[in-house]
């Protein structure tokens, strides 16, 4: 079965702030994709990066 993309959704609420972000993360064979969320000026920003998996 081929790898399939994943949808990642994050919503944050508190102290008068309510924000969210939704991204689609592509899947790649023999790779690990990391997702990091940062709150900048009341806006969620998603960053992704990929590294190789040693796998079989």
PDB file of N, CA and C in Angstrom:
ATOM      1  N   UNK A   1       0.844  -1.167   0.000  1.00  0.00           N
ATOM      2  CA  UNK A   1       0.000   0.000   0.000  1.00  0.00           C
ATOM      3  C   UNK A   1       0.901   1.246   0.000  1.00  0.00           C
ATOM      4  N   UNK A   2       0.652   2.177  -0.901  1.00  0.00           N
ATOM      5  CA  UNK A   2       1.486   3.392  -0.947  1.00  0.00           C
ATOM      6  C   UNK A   2       1.182   4.313   0.239  1.00  0.00           C
ATOM      7  N   UNK A   3       2.159   5.121   0.635  1.00  0.00           N
ATOM      8  CA  UNK A   3       1.922   6.076   1.727  1.00  0.00           C
ATOM      9  C   UNK A   3       0.865   7.103   1.318  1.00  0.00           C
ATOM     10  N   UNK A   4       0.109   7.587   2.289  1.00  0.00           N
ATOM     11  CA  UNK A   4      -0.905   8.597   1.991  1.00  0.00           C
ATOM     12  C   UNK A   4      -0.691   9.823   2.867  1.00  0.00           C
ATOM     13  N   UNK A   5      -1.115  10.959   2.352  1.00  0.00           N
ATOM     14  CA  UNK A   5      -0.966  12.226   3.078  1.00  0.00           C
ATOM     15  C   UNK A   5      -1.846  12.215   4.328  1.00  0.00           C
ATOM     16  N   UNK A   6      -1.467  13.034   5.308  1.00  0.00           N
ATOM     17  CA  UNK A   6      -2.232  13.169   6.549  1.00  0.00           C
ATOM     18  C   UNK A   6      -2.661  14.626   6.708  1.00  0.00           C
ATOM     19  N   UNK A   7      -3.838  14.829   7.231  1.00  0.00           N
ATOM     20  CA  UNK A   7      -4.313  16.176   7.529  1.00  0.00           C
ATOM     21  C   UNK A   7      -4.111  16.399   9.024  1.00  0.00           C
ATOM     22  N   UNK A   8      -3.448  17.493   9.385  1.00  0.00           N
ATOM     23  CA  UNK A   8      -3.177  17.831  10.779  1.00  0.00           C
ATOM     24  C   UNK A   8      -3.913  19.131  11.101  1.00  0.00           C
ATOM     25  N   UNK A   9      -4.715  19.100  12.160  1.00  0.00           N
ATOM     26  CA  UNK A   9      -5.495  20.267  12.567  1.00  0.00           C
ATOM     27  C   UNK A   9      -5.150  20.586  14.012  1.00  0.00           C
ATOM     28  N   UNK A  10      -4.867  21.862  14.291  1.00  0.00           N
ATOM     29  CA  UNK A  10      -4.589  22.301  15.656  1.00  0.00           C
ATOM     30  C   UNK A  10      -5.413  23.549  15.926  1.00  0.00           C
ATOM     31  N   UNK A  11      -6.131  23.542  17.048  1.00  0.00           N
ATOM     32  CA  UNK A  11      -6.899  24.705  17.472  1.00  0.00           C
ATOM     33  C   UNK A  11      -6.482  25.048  18.898  1.00  0.00           C
ATOM     34  N   UNK A  12      -6.320  26.351  19.150  1.00  0.00           N
ATOM     35  CA  UNK A  12      -5.882  26.833  20.452  1.00  0.00           C
ATOM     36  C   UNK A  12      -6.852  27.909  20.912  1.00  0.00           C
ATOM     37  N   UNK A  13      -7.238  27.845  22.182  1.00  0.00           N
ATOM     38  CA  UNK A  13      -8.123  28.876  22.739  1.00  0.00           C
ATOM     39  C   UNK A  13      -7.705  29.137  24.180  1.00  0.00           C
ATOM     40  N   UNK A  14      -7.715  30.408  24.567  1.00  0.00           N
ATOM     41  CA  UNK A  14      -7.382  30.779  25.945  1.00  0.00           C
ATOM     42  C   UNK A  14      -6.953  32.221  26.033  1.00  0.00           C
ATOM     43  N   UNK A  15      -7.228  32.837  27.172  1.00  0.00           N
ATOM     44  CA  UNK A  15      -6.843  34.226  27.431  1.00  0.00           C
ATOM     45  C   UNK A  15      -7.268  35.163  26.302  1.00  0.00           C
ATOM     46  N   UNK A  16      -8.517  35.005  25.825  1.00  0.00           N
ATOM     47  CA  UNK A  16      -9.031  35.895  24.789  1.00  0.00           C
ATOM     48  C   UNK A  16      -8.560  35.574  23.384  1.00  0.00           C
ATOM     49  N   UNK A  17      -7.841  34.485  23.208  1.00  0.00           N
ATOM     50  CA  UNK A  17      -7.315  34.108  21.895  1.00  0.00           C
ATOM     51  C   UNK A  17      -8.001  32.828  21.432  1.00  0.00           C
ATOM     52  N   UNK A  18      -8.388  32.800  20.182  1.00  0.00           N
ATOM     53  CA  UNK A  18      -8.934  31.592  19.579  1.00  0.00           C
ATOM     54  C   UNK A  18      -8.435  31.546  18.145  1.00  0.00           C
ATOM     55  N   UNK A  19      -7.626  30.542  17.835  1.00  0.00           N
ATOM     56  CA  UNK A  19      -7.046  30.444  16.502  1.00  0.00           C
ATOM     57  C   UNK A  19      -6.847  28.979  16.149  1.00  0.00           C
ATOM     58  N   UNK A  20      -6.648  28.708  14.890  1.00  0.00           N
ATOM     59  CA  UNK A  20      -6.422  27.346  14.444  1.00  0.00           C
ATOM     60  C   UNK A  20      -5.742  27.321  13.094  1.00  0.00           C
ATOM     61  N   UNK A  21      -5.221  26.152  12.762  1.00  0.00           N
ATOM     62  CA  UNK A  21      -4.561  25.966  11.474  1.00  0.00           C
ATOM     63  C   UNK A  21      -4.764  24.512  11.053  1.00  0.00           C
ATOM     64  N   UNK A  22      -4.863  24.309   9.751  1.00  0.00           N
ATOM     65  CA  UNK A  22      -5.014  22.976   9.188  1.00  0.00           C
ATOM     66  C   UNK A  22      -4.021  22.848   8.043  1.00  0.00           C
ATOM     67  N   UNK A  23      -3.232  21.782   8.051  1.00  0.00           N
ATOM     68  CA  UNK A  23      -2.279  21.570   6.961  1.00  0.00           C
ATOM     69  C   UNK A  23      -2.351  20.119   6.510  1.00  0.00           C
ATOM     70  N   UNK A  24      -1.935  19.869   5.286  1.00  0.00           N
ATOM     71  CA  UNK A  24      -1.828  18.507   4.792  1.00  0.00           C
ATOM     72  C   UNK A  24      -0.352  18.171   4.669  1.00  0.00           C
ATOM     73  N   UNK A  25       0.024  17.058   5.275  1.00  0.00           N
ATOM     74  CA  UNK A  25       1.422  16.644   5.292  1.00  0.00           C
ATOM     75  C   UNK A  25       1.577  15.467   4.341  1.00  0.00           C
ATOM     76  N   UNK A  26       2.365  15.635   3.282  1.00  0.00           N
ATOM     77  CA  UNK A  26       2.562  14.527   2.344  1.00  0.00           C
ATOM     78  C   UNK A  26       3.379  13.410   2.994  1.00  0.00           C
ATOM     79  N   UNK A  27       3.073  12.203   2.633  1.00  0.00           N
ATOM     80  CA  UNK A  27       3.826  11.055   3.145  1.00  0.00           C
ATOM     81  C   UNK A  27       4.860  10.650   2.101  1.00  0.00           C
ATOM     82  N   UNK A  28       6.031  10.320   2.569  1.00  0.00           N
ATOM     83  CA  UNK A  28       7.098   9.883   1.672  1.00  0.00           C
ATOM     84  C   UNK A  28       7.643   8.554   2.178  1.00  0.00           C
ATOM     85  N   UNK A  29       7.905   7.611   1.292  1.00  0.00           N
ATOM     86  CA  UNK A  29       8.430   6.310   1.727  1.00  0.00           C
ATOM     87  C   UNK A  29       9.778   6.459   2.429  1.00  0.00           C
ATOM     88  N   UNK A  30       9.949   5.688   3.490  1.00  0.00           N
ATOM     89  CA  UNK A  30      11.207   5.636   4.243  1.00  0.00           C
ATOM     90  C   UNK A  30      11.637   7.003   4.757  1.00  0.00           C
ATOM     91  N   UNK A  31      10.673   7.850   5.120  1.00  0.00           N
ATOM     92  CA  UNK A  31      10.963   9.173   5.667  1.00  0.00           C
ATOM     93  C   UNK A  31      10.070   9.430   6.866  1.00  0.00           C
ATOM     94  N   UNK A  32      10.534  10.289   7.736  1.00  0.00           N
ATOM     95  CA  UNK A  32       9.751  10.737   8.882  1.00  0.00           C
ATOM     96  C   UNK A  32       9.517  12.227   8.695  1.00  0.00           C
ATOM     97  N   UNK A  33       8.266  12.650   8.744  1.00  0.00           N
ATOM     98  CA  UNK A  33       7.939  14.063   8.616  1.00  0.00           C
ATOM     99  C   UNK A  33       7.522  14.600   9.973  1.00  0.00           C
ATOM    100  N   UNK A  34       8.164  15.669  10.403  1.00  0.00           N
ATOM    101  CA  UNK A  34       7.873  16.314  11.678  1.00  0.00           C
ATOM    102  C   UNK A  34       7.049  17.565  11.417  1.00  0.00           C
ATOM    103  N   UNK A  35       6.137  17.880  12.337  1.00  0.00           N
ATOM    104  CA  UNK A  35       5.325  19.085  12.239  1.00  0.00           C
ATOM    105  C   UNK A  35       5.496  19.869  13.529  1.00  0.00           C
ATOM    106  N   UNK A  36       5.795  21.156  13.405  1.00  0.00           N
ATOM    107  CA  UNK A  36       5.951  22.034  14.566  1.00  0.00           C
ATOM    108  C   UNK A  36       5.011  23.218  14.387  1.00  0.00           C
ATOM    109  N   UNK A  37       4.291  23.559  15.444  1.00  0.00           N
ATOM    110  CA  UNK A  37       3.389  24.708  15.417  1.00  0.00           C
ATOM    111  C   UNK A  37       3.960  25.790  16.322  1.00  0.00           C
ATOM    112  N   UNK A  38       3.946  27.028  15.840  1.00  0.00           N
ATOM    113  CA  UNK A  38       4.426  28.180  16.598  1.00  0.00           C
ATOM    114  C   UNK A  38       3.341  29.240  16.594  1.00  0.00           C
ATOM    115  N   UNK A  39       3.146  29.891  17.732  1.00  0.00           N
ATOM    116  CA  UNK A  39       2.172  30.976  17.829  1.00  0.00           C
ATOM    117  C   UNK A  39       2.932  32.287  17.687  1.00  0.00           C
ATOM    118  N   UNK A  40       2.646  33.009  16.587  1.00  0.00           N
ATOM    119  CA  UNK A  40       3.338  34.273  16.304  1.00  0.00           C
ATOM    120  C   UNK A  40       2.309  35.373  16.111  1.00  0.00           C
ATOM    121  N   UNK A  41       2.269  36.311  17.028  1.00  0.00           N
ATOM    122  CA  UNK A  41       1.343  37.433  16.917  1.00  0.00           C
ATOM    123  C   UNK A  41      -0.112  36.993  16.849  1.00  0.00           C
ATOM    124  N   UNK A  42      -0.457  35.933  17.562  1.00  0.00           N
ATOM    125  CA  UNK A  42      -1.818  35.449  17.575  1.00  0.00           C
ATOM    126  C   UNK A  42      -2.188  34.558  16.401  1.00  0.00           C
ATOM    127  N   UNK A  43      -1.198  34.209  15.568  1.00  0.00           N
ATOM    128  CA  UNK A  43      -1.437  33.353  14.403  1.00  0.00           C
ATOM    129  C   UNK A  43      -0.595  32.088  14.544  1.00  0.00           C
ATOM    130  N   UNK A  44      -1.235  30.929  14.349  1.00  0.00           N
ATOM    131  CA  UNK A  44      -0.485  29.670  14.369  1.00  0.00           C
ATOM    132  C   UNK A  44       0.231  29.488  13.039  1.00  0.00           C
ATOM    133  N   UNK A  45       1.502  29.162  13.115  1.00  0.00           N
ATOM    134  CA  UNK A  45       2.314  28.936  11.922  1.00  0.00           C
ATOM    135  C   UNK A  45       2.839  27.508  11.997  1.00  0.00           C
ATOM    136  N   UNK A  46       2.614  26.746  10.944  1.00  0.00           N
ATOM    137  CA  UNK A  46       3.080  25.349  10.886  1.00  0.00           C
ATOM    138  C   UNK A  46       4.356  25.271  10.067  1.00  0.00           C
ATOM    139  N   UNK A  47       5.300  24.487  10.574  1.00  0.00           N
ATOM    140  CA  UNK A  47       6.546  24.229   9.877  1.00  0.00           C
ATOM    141  C   UNK A  47       6.731  22.719   9.805  1.00  0.00           C
ATOM    142  N   UNK A  48       7.178  22.213   8.678  1.00  0.00           N
ATOM    143  CA  UNK A  48       7.447  20.773   8.560  1.00  0.00           C
ATOM    144  C   UNK A  48       8.869  20.558   8.069  1.00  0.00           C
ATOM    145  N   UNK A  49       9.425  19.424   8.438  1.00  0.00           N
ATOM    146  CA  UNK A  49      10.714  19.005   7.900  1.00  0.00           C
ATOM    147  C   UNK A  49      10.745  17.492   7.896  1.00  0.00           C
ATOM    148  N   UNK A  50      11.590  16.938   7.066  1.00  0.00           N
ATOM    149  CA  UNK A  50      11.633  15.487   6.849  1.00  0.00           C
ATOM    150  C   UNK A  50      13.040  14.978   7.083  1.00  0.00           C
ATOM    151  N   UNK A  51      13.125  13.789   7.654  1.00  0.00           N
ATOM    152  CA  UNK A  51      14.424  13.127   7.780  1.00  0.00           C
ATOM    153  C   UNK A  51      14.274  11.684   7.306  1.00  0.00           C
ATOM    154  N   UNK A  52      15.370  11.096   6.951  1.00  0.00           N
ATOM    155  CA  UNK A  52      15.367   9.720   6.460  1.00  0.00           C
ATOM    156  C   UNK A  52      15.148   8.746   7.602  1.00  0.00           C
ATOM    157  N   UNK A  53      14.424   7.685   7.302  1.00  0.00           N
ATOM    158  CA  UNK A  53      14.191   6.634   8.269  1.00  0.00           C
ATOM    159  C   UNK A  53      15.127   5.481   7.950  1.00  0.00           C
ATOM    160  N   UNK A  54      15.797   4.911   8.937  1.00  0.00           N
ATOM    161  CA  UNK A  54      16.698   3.817   8.653  1.00  0.00           C
ATOM    162  C   UNK A  54      15.960   2.586   8.117  1.00  0.00           C
ATOM    163  N   UNK A  55      14.733   2.379   8.553  1.00  0.00           N
ATOM    164  CA  UNK A  55      13.859   1.297   8.063  1.00  0.00           C
ATOM    165  C   UNK A  55      14.542   0.041   7.586  1.00  0.00           C
ATOM    166  N   UNK A  56      13.742  -0.960   7.267  1.00  0.00           N
ATOM    167  CA  UNK A  56      14.309  -2.250   6.801  1.00  0.00           C
ATOM    168  C   UNK A  56      14.800  -2.191   5.374  1.00  0.00           C
TER     169      UNK A  56
END
